[in-house]
Structure formats: C-alpha cells, structure tokens
Protein backbone atom coordinates (compact mmCIF):
# COMPACT_ATOMS: atom_id res chain seq x y z
CA UNK A 1 114.31 94.61 100.40
CA UNK A 2 112.24 91.48 99.55
CA UNK A 3 109.00 93.08 101.30
CA UNK A 4 105.96 93.19 99.09
CA UNK A 5 103.01 95.44 100.27
CA UNK A 6 100.62 98.08 98.96
CA UNK A 7 101.95 101.34 97.71
CA UNK A 8 101.07 103.13 100.92
CA UNK A 9 102.11 100.59 103.29
CA UNK A 10 105.37 99.91 101.32
CA UNK A 11 106.06 103.63 101.30
CA UNK A 12 105.73 103.88 104.96
CA UNK A 13 107.82 100.92 105.71
CA UNK A 14 110.38 102.56 103.50
CA UNK A 15 110.37 105.70 105.56
CA UNK A 16 110.98 103.70 108.65
CA UNK A 17 113.96 102.01 107.23
CA UNK A 18 115.31 105.37 106.13
CA UNK A 19 115.58 104.61 102.41
CA UNK A 20 112.56 106.86 101.39
CA UNK A 21 114.54 108.84 98.85
CA UNK A 22 115.82 105.83 97.15
CA UNK A 23 112.56 103.91 96.93
CA UNK A 24 110.64 107.15 95.87
CA UNK A 25 112.78 107.67 92.98
CA UNK A 26 112.50 104.01 92.06
CA UNK A 27 108.92 104.28 92.14
CA UNK A 28 108.45 107.55 90.34
CA UNK A 29 110.79 106.29 87.60
C-alpha cells in the first residue's frame, strides 16, 4: 500500500485490489 496517486486514480486502484471499503473509510475519516 505504498502507491501514491490522485484521489480518483488511487480510489480506482483500491477498487481493483478489493480494499475499497477500507480505503474509503480511511479517506472519509
């Protein structure tokens, strides 16, 4: 999880990796 990218791109990568819920929660909080 050492990938740095814009919010949109990072979010898409997270979805592909299957950790969307975790990352979305982290970004919202």
